[in-house]
Amino acid sequence: EMEASWLVERLSVQYSGKDSTRKAR
């Protein structure tokens, strides 16, 4: 199952910056 922090790792280009985890969530 996916969670926000792991999604940031897998899509580092789409989710970057200090708010990356919040955007993924």
PDBML (XML) file of the C-alpha atoms, coordinates in Angstrom:
<?xml version="1.0" encoding="UTF-8" ?>
<PDBx:datablock datablockName="MODEL"
   xmlns:PDBx="http://pdbml.pdb.org/schema/pdbx-v50.xsd"
   xmlns:xsi="http://www.w3.org/2001/XMLSchema-instance"
   xsi:schemaLocation="http://pdbml.pdb.org/schema/pdbx-v50.xsd pdbx-v50.xsd">
   <PDBx:atom_siteCategory>
      <PDBx:atom_site id="1">
         <PDBx:B_iso_or_equiv>0.00</PDBx:B_iso_or_equiv>
         <PDBx:Cartn_x>0.000</PDBx:Cartn_x>
         <PDBx:Cartn_y>0.000</PDBx:Cartn_y>
         <PDBx:Cartn_z>0.000</PDBx:Cartn_z>
         <PDBx:auth_asym_id>A</PDBx:auth_asym_id>
         <PDBx:auth_atom_id>CA</PDBx:auth_atom_id>
         <PDBx:auth_comp_id>GLU</PDBx:auth_comp_id>
         <PDBx:auth_seq_id>1</PDBx:auth_seq_id>
         <PDBx:group_PDB>ATOM</PDBx:group_PDB>
         <PDBx:label_alt_id xsi:nil="true" />
         <PDBx:label_asym_id>A</PDBx:label_asym_id>
         <PDBx:label_atom_id>CA</PDBx:label_atom_id>
         <PDBx:label_comp_id>GLU</PDBx:label_comp_id>
         <PDBx:label_entity_id>1</PDBx:label_entity_id>
         <PDBx:label_seq_id>1</PDBx:label_seq_id>
         <PDBx:occupancy>1.00</PDBx:occupancy>
         <PDBx:pdbx_PDB_model_num>1</PDBx:pdbx_PDB_model_num>
         <PDBx:type_symbol>C</PDBx:type_symbol>
      </PDBx:atom_site>
      <PDBx:atom_site id="2">
         <PDBx:B_iso_or_equiv>0.00</PDBx:B_iso_or_equiv>
         <PDBx:Cartn_x>1.155</PDBx:Cartn_x>
         <PDBx:Cartn_y>3.523</PDBx:Cartn_y>
         <PDBx:Cartn_z>-0.765</PDBx:Cartn_z>
         <PDBx:auth_asym_id>A</PDBx:auth_asym_id>
         <PDBx:auth_atom_id>CA</PDBx:auth_atom_id>
         <PDBx:auth_comp_id>MET</PDBx:auth_comp_id>
         <PDBx:auth_seq_id>2</PDBx:auth_seq_id>
         <PDBx:group_PDB>ATOM</PDBx:group_PDB>
         <PDBx:label_alt_id xsi:nil="true" />
         <PDBx:label_asym_id>A</PDBx:label_asym_id>
         <PDBx:label_atom_id>CA</PDBx:label_atom_id>
         <PDBx:label_comp_id>MET</PDBx:label_comp_id>
         <PDBx:label_entity_id>1</PDBx:label_entity_id>
         <PDBx:label_seq_id>2</PDBx:label_seq_id>
         <PDBx:occupancy>1.00</PDBx:occupancy>
         <PDBx:pdbx_PDB_model_num>1</PDBx:pdbx_PDB_model_num>
         <PDBx:type_symbol>C</PDBx:type_symbol>
      </PDBx:atom_site>
      <PDBx:atom_site id="3">
         <PDBx:B_iso_or_equiv>0.00</PDBx:B_iso_or_equiv>
         <PDBx:Cartn_x>1.818</PDBx:Cartn_x>
         <PDBx:Cartn_y>6.332</PDBx:Cartn_y>
         <PDBx:Cartn_z>1.694</PDBx:Cartn_z>
         <PDBx:auth_asym_id>A</PDBx:auth_asym_id>
         <PDBx:auth_atom_id>CA</PDBx:auth_atom_id>
         <PDBx:auth_comp_id>GLU</PDBx:auth_comp_id>
         <PDBx:auth_seq_id>3</PDBx:auth_seq_id>
         <PDBx:group_PDB>ATOM</PDBx:group_PDB>
         <PDBx:label_alt_id xsi:nil="true" />
         <PDBx:label_asym_id>A</PDBx:label_asym_id>
         <PDBx:label_atom_id>CA</PDBx:label_atom_id>
         <PDBx:label_comp_id>GLU</PDBx:label_comp_id>
         <PDBx:label_entity_id>1</PDBx:label_entity_id>
         <PDBx:label_seq_id>3</PDBx:label_seq_id>
         <PDBx:occupancy>1.00</PDBx:occupancy>
         <PDBx:pdbx_PDB_model_num>1</PDBx:pdbx_PDB_model_num>
         <PDBx:type_symbol>C</PDBx:type_symbol>
      </PDBx:atom_site>
      <PDBx:atom_site id="4">
         <PDBx:B_iso_or_equiv>0.00</PDBx:B_iso_or_equiv>
         <PDBx:Cartn_x>2.791</PDBx:Cartn_x>
         <PDBx:Cartn_y>9.943</PDBx:Cartn_y>
         <PDBx:Cartn_z>1.106</PDBx:Cartn_z>
         <PDBx:auth_asym_id>A</PDBx:auth_asym_id>
         <PDBx:auth_atom_id>CA</PDBx:auth_atom_id>
         <PDBx:auth_comp_id>ALA</PDBx:auth_comp_id>
         <PDBx:auth_seq_id>4</PDBx:auth_seq_id>
         <PDBx:group_PDB>ATOM</PDBx:group_PDB>
         <PDBx:label_alt_id xsi:nil="true" />
         <PDBx:label_asym_id>A</PDBx:label_asym_id>
         <PDBx:label_atom_id>CA</PDBx:label_atom_id>
         <PDBx:label_comp_id>ALA</PDBx:label_comp_id>
         <PDBx:label_entity_id>1</PDBx:label_entity_id>
         <PDBx:label_seq_id>4</PDBx:label_seq_id>
         <PDBx:occupancy>1.00</PDBx:occupancy>
         <PDBx:pdbx_PDB_model_num>1</PDBx:pdbx_PDB_model_num>
         <PDBx:type_symbol>C</PDBx:type_symbol>
      </PDBx:atom_site>
      <PDBx:atom_site id="5">
         <PDBx:B_iso_or_equiv>0.00</PDBx:B_iso_or_equiv>
         <PDBx:Cartn_x>6.471</PDBx:Cartn_x>
         <PDBx:Cartn_y>9.675</PDBx:Cartn_y>
         <PDBx:Cartn_z>2.016</PDBx:Cartn_z>
         <PDBx:auth_asym_id>A</PDBx:auth_asym_id>
         <PDBx:auth_atom_id>CA</PDBx:auth_atom_id>
         <PDBx:auth_comp_id>SER</PDBx:auth_comp_id>
         <PDBx:auth_seq_id>5</PDBx:auth_seq_id>
         <PDBx:group_PDB>ATOM</PDBx:group_PDB>
         <PDBx:label_alt_id xsi:nil="true" />
         <PDBx:label_asym_id>A</PDBx:label_asym_id>
         <PDBx:label_atom_id>CA</PDBx:label_atom_id>
         <PDBx:label_comp_id>SER</PDBx:label_comp_id>
         <PDBx:label_entity_id>1</PDBx:label_entity_id>
         <PDBx:label_seq_id>5</PDBx:label_seq_id>
         <PDBx:occupancy>1.00</PDBx:occupancy>
         <PDBx:pdbx_PDB_model_num>1</PDBx:pdbx_PDB_model_num>
         <PDBx:type_symbol>C</PDBx:type_symbol>
      </PDBx:atom_site>
      <PDBx:atom_site id="6">
         <PDBx:B_iso_or_equiv>0.00</PDBx:B_iso_or_equiv>
         <PDBx:Cartn_x>6.984</PDBx:Cartn_x>
         <PDBx:Cartn_y>6.667</PDBx:Cartn_y>
         <PDBx:Cartn_z>-0.243</PDBx:Cartn_z>
         <PDBx:auth_asym_id>A</PDBx:auth_asym_id>
         <PDBx:auth_atom_id>CA</PDBx:auth_atom_id>
         <PDBx:auth_comp_id>TRP</PDBx:auth_comp_id>
         <PDBx:auth_seq_id>6</PDBx:auth_seq_id>
         <PDBx:group_PDB>ATOM</PDBx:group_PDB>
         <PDBx:label_alt_id xsi:nil="true" />
         <PDBx:label_asym_id>A</PDBx:label_asym_id>
         <PDBx:label_atom_id>CA</PDBx:label_atom_id>
         <PDBx:label_comp_id>TRP</PDBx:label_comp_id>
         <PDBx:label_entity_id>1</PDBx:label_entity_id>
         <PDBx:label_seq_id>6</PDBx:label_seq_id>
         <PDBx:occupancy>1.00</PDBx:occupancy>
         <PDBx:pdbx_PDB_model_num>1</PDBx:pdbx_PDB_model_num>
         <PDBx:type_symbol>C</PDBx:type_symbol>
      </PDBx:atom_site>
      <PDBx:atom_site id="7">
         <PDBx:B_iso_or_equiv>0.00</PDBx:B_iso_or_equiv>
         <PDBx:Cartn_x>5.186</PDBx:Cartn_x>
         <PDBx:Cartn_y>8.392</PDBx:Cartn_y>
         <PDBx:Cartn_z>-3.110</PDBx:Cartn_z>
         <PDBx:auth_asym_id>A</PDBx:auth_asym_id>
         <PDBx:auth_atom_id>CA</PDBx:auth_atom_id>
         <PDBx:auth_comp_id>LEU</PDBx:auth_comp_id>
         <PDBx:auth_seq_id>7</PDBx:auth_seq_id>
         <PDBx:group_PDB>ATOM</PDBx:group_PDB>
         <PDBx:label_alt_id xsi:nil="true" />
         <PDBx:label_asym_id>A</PDBx:label_asym_id>
         <PDBx:label_atom_id>CA</PDBx:label_atom_id>
         <PDBx:label_comp_id>LEU</PDBx:label_comp_id>
         <PDBx:label_entity_id>1</PDBx:label_entity_id>
         <PDBx:label_seq_id>7</PDBx:label_seq_id>
         <PDBx:occupancy>1.00</PDBx:occupancy>
         <PDBx:pdbx_PDB_model_num>1</PDBx:pdbx_PDB_model_num>
         <PDBx:type_symbol>C</PDBx:type_symbol>
      </PDBx:atom_site>
      <PDBx:atom_site id="8">
         <PDBx:B_iso_or_equiv>0.00</PDBx:B_iso_or_equiv>
         <PDBx:Cartn_x>7.652</PDBx:Cartn_x>
         <PDBx:Cartn_y>11.292</PDBx:Cartn_y>
         <PDBx:Cartn_z>-2.810</PDBx:Cartn_z>
         <PDBx:auth_asym_id>A</PDBx:auth_asym_id>
         <PDBx:auth_atom_id>CA</PDBx:auth_atom_id>
         <PDBx:auth_comp_id>VAL</PDBx:auth_comp_id>
         <PDBx:auth_seq_id>8</PDBx:auth_seq_id>
         <PDBx:group_PDB>ATOM</PDBx:group_PDB>
         <PDBx:label_alt_id xsi:nil="true" />
         <PDBx:label_asym_id>A</PDBx:label_asym_id>
         <PDBx:label_atom_id>CA</PDBx:label_atom_id>
         <PDBx:label_comp_id>VAL</PDBx:label_comp_id>
         <PDBx:label_entity_id>1</PDBx:label_entity_id>
         <PDBx:label_seq_id>8</PDBx:label_seq_id>
         <PDBx:occupancy>1.00</PDBx:occupancy>
         <PDBx:pdbx_PDB_model_num>1</PDBx:pdbx_PDB_model_num>
         <PDBx:type_symbol>C</PDBx:type_symbol>
      </PDBx:atom_site>
      <PDBx:atom_site id="9">
         <PDBx:B_iso_or_equiv>0.00</PDBx:B_iso_or_equiv>
         <PDBx:Cartn_x>10.532</PDBx:Cartn_x>
         <PDBx:Cartn_y>8.815</PDBx:Cartn_y>
         <PDBx:Cartn_z>-3.148</PDBx:Cartn_z>
         <PDBx:auth_asym_id>A</PDBx:auth_asym_id>
         <PDBx:auth_atom_id>CA</PDBx:auth_atom_id>
         <PDBx:auth_comp_id>GLU</PDBx:auth_comp_id>
         <PDBx:auth_seq_id>9</PDBx:auth_seq_id>
         <PDBx:group_PDB>ATOM</PDBx:group_PDB>
         <PDBx:label_alt_id xsi:nil="true" />
         <PDBx:label_asym_id>A</PDBx:label_asym_id>
         <PDBx:label_atom_id>CA</PDBx:label_atom_id>
         <PDBx:label_comp_id>GLU</PDBx:label_comp_id>
         <PDBx:label_entity_id>1</PDBx:label_entity_id>
         <PDBx:label_seq_id>9</PDBx:label_seq_id>
         <PDBx:occupancy>1.00</PDBx:occupancy>
         <PDBx:pdbx_PDB_model_num>1</PDBx:pdbx_PDB_model_num>
         <PDBx:type_symbol>C</PDBx:type_symbol>
      </PDBx:atom_site>
      <PDBx:atom_site id="10">
         <PDBx:B_iso_or_equiv>0.00</PDBx:B_iso_or_equiv>
         <PDBx:Cartn_x>9.023</PDBx:Cartn_x>
         <PDBx:Cartn_y>7.211</PDBx:Cartn_y>
         <PDBx:Cartn_z>-6.247</PDBx:Cartn_z>
         <PDBx:auth_asym_id>A</PDBx:auth_asym_id>
         <PDBx:auth_atom_id>CA</PDBx:auth_atom_id>
         <PDBx:auth_comp_id>ARG</PDBx:auth_comp_id>
         <PDBx:auth_seq_id>10</PDBx:auth_seq_id>
         <PDBx:group_PDB>ATOM</PDBx:group_PDB>
         <PDBx:label_alt_id xsi:nil="true" />
         <PDBx:label_asym_id>A</PDBx:label_asym_id>
         <PDBx:label_atom_id>CA</PDBx:label_atom_id>
         <PDBx:label_comp_id>ARG</PDBx:label_comp_id>
         <PDBx:label_entity_id>1</PDBx:label_entity_id>
         <PDBx:label_seq_id>10</PDBx:label_seq_id>
         <PDBx:occupancy>1.00</PDBx:occupancy>
         <PDBx:pdbx_PDB_model_num>1</PDBx:pdbx_PDB_model_num>
         <PDBx:type_symbol>C</PDBx:type_symbol>
      </PDBx:atom_site>
      <PDBx:atom_site id="11">
         <PDBx:B_iso_or_equiv>0.00</PDBx:B_iso_or_equiv>
         <PDBx:Cartn_x>8.047</PDBx:Cartn_x>
         <PDBx:Cartn_y>10.508</PDBx:Cartn_y>
         <PDBx:Cartn_z>-7.897</PDBx:Cartn_z>
         <PDBx:auth_asym_id>A</PDBx:auth_asym_id>
         <PDBx:auth_atom_id>CA</PDBx:auth_atom_id>
         <PDBx:auth_comp_id>LEU</PDBx:auth_comp_id>
         <PDBx:auth_seq_id>11</PDBx:auth_seq_id>
         <PDBx:group_PDB>ATOM</PDBx:group_PDB>
         <PDBx:label_alt_id xsi:nil="true" />
         <PDBx:label_asym_id>A</PDBx:label_asym_id>
         <PDBx:label_atom_id>CA</PDBx:label_atom_id>
         <PDBx:label_comp_id>LEU</PDBx:label_comp_id>
         <PDBx:label_entity_id>1</PDBx:label_entity_id>
         <PDBx:label_seq_id>11</PDBx:label_seq_id>
         <PDBx:occupancy>1.00</PDBx:occupancy>
         <PDBx:pdbx_PDB_model_num>1</PDBx:pdbx_PDB_model_num>
         <PDBx:type_symbol>C</PDBx:type_symbol>
      </PDBx:atom_site>
      <PDBx:atom_site id="12">
         <PDBx:B_iso_or_equiv>0.00</PDBx:B_iso_or_equiv>
         <PDBx:Cartn_x>10.839</PDBx:Cartn_x>
         <PDBx:Cartn_y>12.820</PDBx:Cartn_y>
         <PDBx:Cartn_z>-6.832</PDBx:Cartn_z>
         <PDBx:auth_asym_id>A</PDBx:auth_asym_id>
         <PDBx:auth_atom_id>CA</PDBx:auth_atom_id>
         <PDBx:auth_comp_id>SER</PDBx:auth_comp_id>
         <PDBx:auth_seq_id>12</PDBx:auth_seq_id>
         <PDBx:group_PDB>ATOM</PDBx:group_PDB>
         <PDBx:label_alt_id xsi:nil="true" />
         <PDBx:label_asym_id>A</PDBx:label_asym_id>
         <PDBx:label_atom_id>CA</PDBx:label_atom_id>
         <PDBx:label_comp_id>SER</PDBx:label_comp_id>
         <PDBx:label_entity_id>1</PDBx:label_entity_id>
         <PDBx:label_seq_id>12</PDBx:label_seq_id>
         <PDBx:occupancy>1.00</PDBx:occupancy>
         <PDBx:pdbx_PDB_model_num>1</PDBx:pdbx_PDB_model_num>
         <PDBx:type_symbol>C</PDBx:type_symbol>
      </PDBx:atom_site>
      <PDBx:atom_site id="13">
         <PDBx:B_iso_or_equiv>0.00</PDBx:B_iso_or_equiv>
         <PDBx:Cartn_x>10.450</PDBx:Cartn_x>
         <PDBx:Cartn_y>14.960</PDBx:Cartn_y>
         <PDBx:Cartn_z>-9.967</PDBx:Cartn_z>
         <PDBx:auth_asym_id>A</PDBx:auth_asym_id>
         <PDBx:auth_atom_id>CA</PDBx:auth_atom_id>
         <PDBx:auth_comp_id>VAL</PDBx:auth_comp_id>
         <PDBx:auth_seq_id>13</PDBx:auth_seq_id>
         <PDBx:group_PDB>ATOM</PDBx:group_PDB>
         <PDBx:label_alt_id xsi:nil="true" />
         <PDBx:label_asym_id>A</PDBx:label_asym_id>
         <PDBx:label_atom_id>CA</PDBx:label_atom_id>
         <PDBx:label_comp_id>VAL</PDBx:label_comp_id>
         <PDBx:label_entity_id>1</PDBx:label_entity_id>
         <PDBx:label_seq_id>13</PDBx:label_seq_id>
         <PDBx:occupancy>1.00</PDBx:occupancy>
         <PDBx:pdbx_PDB_model_num>1</PDBx:pdbx_PDB_model_num>
         <PDBx:type_symbol>C</PDBx:type_symbol>
      </PDBx:atom_site>
      <PDBx:atom_site id="14">
         <PDBx:B_iso_or_equiv>0.00</PDBx:B_iso_or_equiv>
         <PDBx:Cartn_x>6.736</PDBx:Cartn_x>
         <PDBx:Cartn_y>15.668</PDBx:Cartn_y>
         <PDBx:Cartn_z>-9.448</PDBx:Cartn_z>
         <PDBx:auth_asym_id>A</PDBx:auth_asym_id>
         <PDBx:auth_atom_id>CA</PDBx:auth_atom_id>
         <PDBx:auth_comp_id>GLN</PDBx:auth_comp_id>
         <PDBx:auth_seq_id>14</PDBx:auth_seq_id>
         <PDBx:group_PDB>ATOM</PDBx:group_PDB>
         <PDBx:label_alt_id xsi:nil="true" />
         <PDBx:label_asym_id>A</PDBx:label_asym_id>
         <PDBx:label_atom_id>CA</PDBx:label_atom_id>
         <PDBx:label_comp_id>GLN</PDBx:label_comp_id>
         <PDBx:label_entity_id>1</PDBx:label_entity_id>
         <PDBx:label_seq_id>14</PDBx:label_seq_id>
         <PDBx:occupancy>1.00</PDBx:occupancy>
         <PDBx:pdbx_PDB_model_num>1</PDBx:pdbx_PDB_model_num>
         <PDBx:type_symbol>C</PDBx:type_symbol>
      </PDBx:atom_site>
      <PDBx:atom_site id="15">
         <PDBx:B_iso_or_equiv>0.00</PDBx:B_iso_or_equiv>
         <PDBx:Cartn_x>7.113</PDBx:Cartn_x>
         <PDBx:Cartn_y>16.139</PDBx:Cartn_y>
         <PDBx:Cartn_z>-5.694</PDBx:Cartn_z>
         <PDBx:auth_asym_id>A</PDBx:auth_asym_id>
         <PDBx:auth_atom_id>CA</PDBx:auth_atom_id>
         <PDBx:auth_comp_id>TYR</PDBx:auth_comp_id>
         <PDBx:auth_seq_id>15</PDBx:auth_seq_id>
         <PDBx:group_PDB>ATOM</PDBx:group_PDB>
         <PDBx:label_alt_id xsi:nil="true" />
         <PDBx:label_asym_id>A</PDBx:label_asym_id>
         <PDBx:label_atom_id>CA</PDBx:label_atom_id>
         <PDBx:label_comp_id>TYR</PDBx:label_comp_id>
         <PDBx:label_entity_id>1</PDBx:label_entity_id>
         <PDBx:label_seq_id>15</PDBx:label_seq_id>
         <PDBx:occupancy>1.00</PDBx:occupancy>
         <PDBx:pdbx_PDB_model_num>1</PDBx:pdbx_PDB_model_num>
         <PDBx:type_symbol>C</PDBx:type_symbol>
      </PDBx:atom_site>
      <PDBx:atom_site id="16">
         <PDBx:B_iso_or_equiv>0.00</PDBx:B_iso_or_equiv>
         <PDBx:Cartn_x>10.028</PDBx:Cartn_x>
         <PDBx:Cartn_y>18.378</PDBx:Cartn_y>
         <PDBx:Cartn_z>-4.790</PDBx:Cartn_z>
         <PDBx:auth_asym_id>A</PDBx:auth_asym_id>
         <PDBx:auth_atom_id>CA</PDBx:auth_atom_id>
         <PDBx:auth_comp_id>SER</PDBx:auth_comp_id>
         <PDBx:auth_seq_id>16</PDBx:auth_seq_id>
         <PDBx:group_PDB>ATOM</PDBx:group_PDB>
         <PDBx:label_alt_id xsi:nil="true" />
         <PDBx:label_asym_id>A</PDBx:label_asym_id>
         <PDBx:label_atom_id>CA</PDBx:label_atom_id>
         <PDBx:label_comp_id>SER</PDBx:label_comp_id>
         <PDBx:label_entity_id>1</PDBx:label_entity_id>
         <PDBx:label_seq_id>16</PDBx:label_seq_id>
         <PDBx:occupancy>1.00</PDBx:occupancy>
         <PDBx:pdbx_PDB_model_num>1</PDBx:pdbx_PDB_model_num>
         <PDBx:type_symbol>C</PDBx:type_symbol>
      </PDBx:atom_site>
      <PDBx:atom_site id="17">
         <PDBx:B_iso_or_equiv>0.00</PDBx:B_iso_or_equiv>
         <PDBx:Cartn_x>10.645</PDBx:Cartn_x>
         <PDBx:Cartn_y>21.093</PDBx:Cartn_y>
         <PDBx:Cartn_z>-2.236</PDBx:Cartn_z>
         <PDBx:auth_asym_id>A</PDBx:auth_asym_id>
         <PDBx:auth_atom_id>CA</PDBx:auth_atom_id>
         <PDBx:auth_comp_id>GLY</PDBx:auth_comp_id>
         <PDBx:auth_seq_id>17</PDBx:auth_seq_id>
         <PDBx:group_PDB>ATOM</PDBx:group_PDB>
         <PDBx:label_alt_id xsi:nil="true" />
         <PDBx:label_asym_id>A</PDBx:label_asym_id>
         <PDBx:label_atom_id>CA</PDBx:label_atom_id>
         <PDBx:label_comp_id>GLY</PDBx:label_comp_id>
         <PDBx:label_entity_id>1</PDBx:label_entity_id>
         <PDBx:label_seq_id>17</PDBx:label_seq_id>
         <PDBx:occupancy>1.00</PDBx:occupancy>
         <PDBx:pdbx_PDB_model_num>1</PDBx:pdbx_PDB_model_num>
         <PDBx:type_symbol>C</PDBx:type_symbol>
      </PDBx:atom_site>
      <PDBx:atom_site id="18">
         <PDBx:B_iso_or_equiv>0.00</PDBx:B_iso_or_equiv>
         <PDBx:Cartn_x>9.888</PDBx:Cartn_x>
         <PDBx:Cartn_y>21.371</PDBx:Cartn_y>
         <PDBx:Cartn_z>1.431</PDBx:Cartn_z>
         <PDBx:auth_asym_id>A</PDBx:auth_asym_id>
         <PDBx:auth_atom_id>CA</PDBx:auth_atom_id>
         <PDBx:auth_comp_id>LYS</PDBx:auth_comp_id>
         <PDBx:auth_seq_id>18</PDBx:auth_seq_id>
         <PDBx:group_PDB>ATOM</PDBx:group_PDB>
         <PDBx:label_alt_id xsi:nil="true" />
         <PDBx:label_asym_id>A</PDBx:label_asym_id>
         <PDBx:label_atom_id>CA</PDBx:label_atom_id>
         <PDBx:label_comp_id>LYS</PDBx:label_comp_id>
         <PDBx:label_entity_id>1</PDBx:label_entity_id>
         <PDBx:label_seq_id>18</PDBx:label_seq_id>
         <PDBx:occupancy>1.00</PDBx:occupancy>
         <PDBx:pdbx_PDB_model_num>1</PDBx:pdbx_PDB_model_num>
         <PDBx:type_symbol>C</PDBx:type_symbol>
      </PDBx:atom_site>
      <PDBx:atom_site id="19">
         <PDBx:B_iso_or_equiv>0.00</PDBx:B_iso_or_equiv>
         <PDBx:Cartn_x>6.119</PDBx:Cartn_x>
         <PDBx:Cartn_y>20.762</PDBx:Cartn_y>
         <PDBx:Cartn_z>0.952</PDBx:Cartn_z>
         <PDBx:auth_asym_id>A</PDBx:auth_asym_id>
         <PDBx:auth_atom_id>CA</PDBx:auth_atom_id>
         <PDBx:auth_comp_id>ASP</PDBx:auth_comp_id>
         <PDBx:auth_seq_id>19</PDBx:auth_seq_id>
         <PDBx:group_PDB>ATOM</PDBx:group_PDB>
         <PDBx:label_alt_id xsi:nil="true" />
         <PDBx:label_asym_id>A</PDBx:label_asym_id>
         <PDBx:label_atom_id>CA</PDBx:label_atom_id>
         <PDBx:label_comp_id>ASP</PDBx:label_comp_id>
         <PDBx:label_entity_id>1</PDBx:label_entity_id>
         <PDBx:label_seq_id>19</PDBx:label_seq_id>
         <PDBx:occupancy>1.00</PDBx:occupancy>
         <PDBx:pdbx_PDB_model_num>1</PDBx:pdbx_PDB_model_num>
         <PDBx:type_symbol>C</PDBx:type_symbol>
      </PDBx:atom_site>
      <PDBx:atom_site id="20">
         <PDBx:B_iso_or_equiv>0.00</PDBx:B_iso_or_equiv>
         <PDBx:Cartn_x>6.582</PDBx:Cartn_x>
         <PDBx:Cartn_y>17.633</PDBx:Cartn_y>
         <PDBx:Cartn_z>-1.159</PDBx:Cartn_z>
         <PDBx:auth_asym_id>A</PDBx:auth_asym_id>
         <PDBx:auth_atom_id>CA</PDBx:auth_atom_id>
         <PDBx:auth_comp_id>SER</PDBx:auth_comp_id>
         <PDBx:auth_seq_id>20</PDBx:auth_seq_id>
         <PDBx:group_PDB>ATOM</PDBx:group_PDB>
         <PDBx:label_alt_id xsi:nil="true" />
         <PDBx:label_asym_id>A</PDBx:label_asym_id>
         <PDBx:label_atom_id>CA</PDBx:label_atom_id>
         <PDBx:label_comp_id>SER</PDBx:label_comp_id>
         <PDBx:label_entity_id>1</PDBx:label_entity_id>
         <PDBx:label_seq_id>20</PDBx:label_seq_id>
         <PDBx:occupancy>1.00</PDBx:occupancy>
         <PDBx:pdbx_PDB_model_num>1</PDBx:pdbx_PDB_model_num>
         <PDBx:type_symbol>C</PDBx:type_symbol>
      </PDBx:atom_site>
      <PDBx:atom_site id="21">
         <PDBx:B_iso_or_equiv>0.00</PDBx:B_iso_or_equiv>
         <PDBx:Cartn_x>5.087</PDBx:Cartn_x>
         <PDBx:Cartn_y>15.248</PDBx:Cartn_y>
         <PDBx:Cartn_z>1.401</PDBx:Cartn_z>
         <PDBx:auth_asym_id>A</PDBx:auth_asym_id>
         <PDBx:auth_atom_id>CA</PDBx:auth_atom_id>
         <PDBx:auth_comp_id>THR</PDBx:auth_comp_id>
         <PDBx:auth_seq_id>21</PDBx:auth_seq_id>
         <PDBx:group_PDB>ATOM</PDBx:group_PDB>
         <PDBx:label_alt_id xsi:nil="true" />
         <PDBx:label_asym_id>A</PDBx:label_asym_id>
         <PDBx:label_atom_id>CA</PDBx:label_atom_id>
         <PDBx:label_comp_id>THR</PDBx:label_comp_id>
         <PDBx:label_entity_id>1</PDBx:label_entity_id>
         <PDBx:label_seq_id>21</PDBx:label_seq_id>
         <PDBx:occupancy>1.00</PDBx:occupancy>
         <PDBx:pdbx_PDB_model_num>1</PDBx:pdbx_PDB_model_num>
         <PDBx:type_symbol>C</PDBx:type_symbol>
      </PDBx:atom_site>
      <PDBx:atom_site id="22">
         <PDBx:B_iso_or_equiv>0.00</PDBx:B_iso_or_equiv>
         <PDBx:Cartn_x>2.079</PDBx:Cartn_x>
         <PDBx:Cartn_y>17.500</PDBx:Cartn_y>
         <PDBx:Cartn_z>1.974</PDBx:Cartn_z>
         <PDBx:auth_asym_id>A</PDBx:auth_asym_id>
         <PDBx:auth_atom_id>CA</PDBx:auth_atom_id>
         <PDBx:auth_comp_id>ARG</PDBx:auth_comp_id>
         <PDBx:auth_seq_id>22</PDBx:auth_seq_id>
         <PDBx:group_PDB>ATOM</PDBx:group_PDB>
         <PDBx:label_alt_id xsi:nil="true" />
         <PDBx:label_asym_id>A</PDBx:label_asym_id>
         <PDBx:label_atom_id>CA</PDBx:label_atom_id>
         <PDBx:label_comp_id>ARG</PDBx:label_comp_id>
         <PDBx:label_entity_id>1</PDBx:label_entity_id>
         <PDBx:label_seq_id>22</PDBx:label_seq_id>
         <PDBx:occupancy>1.00</PDBx:occupancy>
         <PDBx:pdbx_PDB_model_num>1</PDBx:pdbx_PDB_model_num>
         <PDBx:type_symbol>C</PDBx:type_symbol>
      </PDBx:atom_site>
      <PDBx:atom_site id="23">
         <PDBx:B_iso_or_equiv>0.00</PDBx:B_iso_or_equiv>
         <PDBx:Cartn_x>1.417</PDBx:Cartn_x>
         <PDBx:Cartn_y>17.709</PDBx:Cartn_y>
         <PDBx:Cartn_z>-1.780</PDBx:Cartn_z>
         <PDBx:auth_asym_id>A</PDBx:auth_asym_id>
         <PDBx:auth_atom_id>CA</PDBx:auth_atom_id>
         <PDBx:auth_comp_id>LYS</PDBx:auth_comp_id>
         <PDBx:auth_seq_id>23</PDBx:auth_seq_id>
         <PDBx:group_PDB>ATOM</PDBx:group_PDB>
         <PDBx:label_alt_id xsi:nil="true" />
         <PDBx:label_asym_id>A</PDBx:label_asym_id>
         <PDBx:label_atom_id>CA</PDBx:label_atom_id>
         <PDBx:label_comp_id>LYS</PDBx:label_comp_id>
         <PDBx:label_entity_id>1</PDBx:label_entity_id>
         <PDBx:label_seq_id>23</PDBx:label_seq_id>
         <PDBx:occupancy>1.00</PDBx:occupancy>
         <PDBx:pdbx_PDB_model_num>1</PDBx:pdbx_PDB_model_num>
         <PDBx:type_symbol>C</PDBx:type_symbol>
      </PDBx:atom_site>
      <PDBx:atom_site id="24">
         <PDBx:B_iso_or_equiv>0.00</PDBx:B_iso_or_equiv>
         <PDBx:Cartn_x>1.656</PDBx:Cartn_x>
         <PDBx:Cartn_y>13.949</PDBx:Cartn_y>
         <PDBx:Cartn_z>-2.113</PDBx:Cartn_z>
         <PDBx:auth_asym_id>A</PDBx:auth_asym_id>
         <PDBx:auth_atom_id>CA</PDBx:auth_atom_id>
         <PDBx:auth_comp_id>ALA</PDBx:auth_comp_id>
         <PDBx:auth_seq_id>24</PDBx:auth_seq_id>
         <PDBx:group_PDB>ATOM</PDBx:group_PDB>
         <PDBx:label_alt_id xsi:nil="true" />
         <PDBx:label_asym_id>A</PDBx:label_asym_id>
         <PDBx:label_atom_id>CA</PDBx:label_atom_id>
         <PDBx:label_comp_id>ALA</PDBx:label_comp_id>
         <PDBx:label_entity_id>1</PDBx:label_entity_id>
         <PDBx:label_seq_id>24</PDBx:label_seq_id>
         <PDBx:occupancy>1.00</PDBx:occupancy>
         <PDBx:pdbx_PDB_model_num>1</PDBx:pdbx_PDB_model_num>
         <PDBx:type_symbol>C</PDBx:type_symbol>
      </PDBx:atom_site>
      <PDBx:atom_site id="25">
         <PDBx:B_iso_or_equiv>0.00</PDBx:B_iso_or_equiv>
         <PDBx:Cartn_x>-0.727</PDBx:Cartn_x>
         <PDBx:Cartn_y>13.477</PDBx:Cartn_y>
         <PDBx:Cartn_z>0.805</PDBx:Cartn_z>
         <PDBx:auth_asym_id>A</PDBx:auth_asym_id>
         <PDBx:auth_atom_id>CA</PDBx:auth_atom_id>
         <PDBx:auth_comp_id>ARG</PDBx:auth_comp_id>
         <PDBx:auth_seq_id>25</PDBx:auth_seq_id>
         <PDBx:group_PDB>ATOM</PDBx:group_PDB>
         <PDBx:label_alt_id xsi:nil="true" />
         <PDBx:label_asym_id>A</PDBx:label_asym_id>
         <PDBx:label_atom_id>CA</PDBx:label_atom_id>
         <PDBx:label_comp_id>ARG</PDBx:label_comp_id>
         <PDBx:label_entity_id>1</PDBx:label_entity_id>
         <PDBx:label_seq_id>25</PDBx:label_seq_id>
         <PDBx:occupancy>1.00</PDBx:occupancy>
         <PDBx:pdbx_PDB_model_num>1</PDBx:pdbx_PDB_model_num>
         <PDBx:type_symbol>C</PDBx:type_symbol>
      </PDBx:atom_site>
   </PDBx:atom_siteCategory>
</PDBx:datablock>
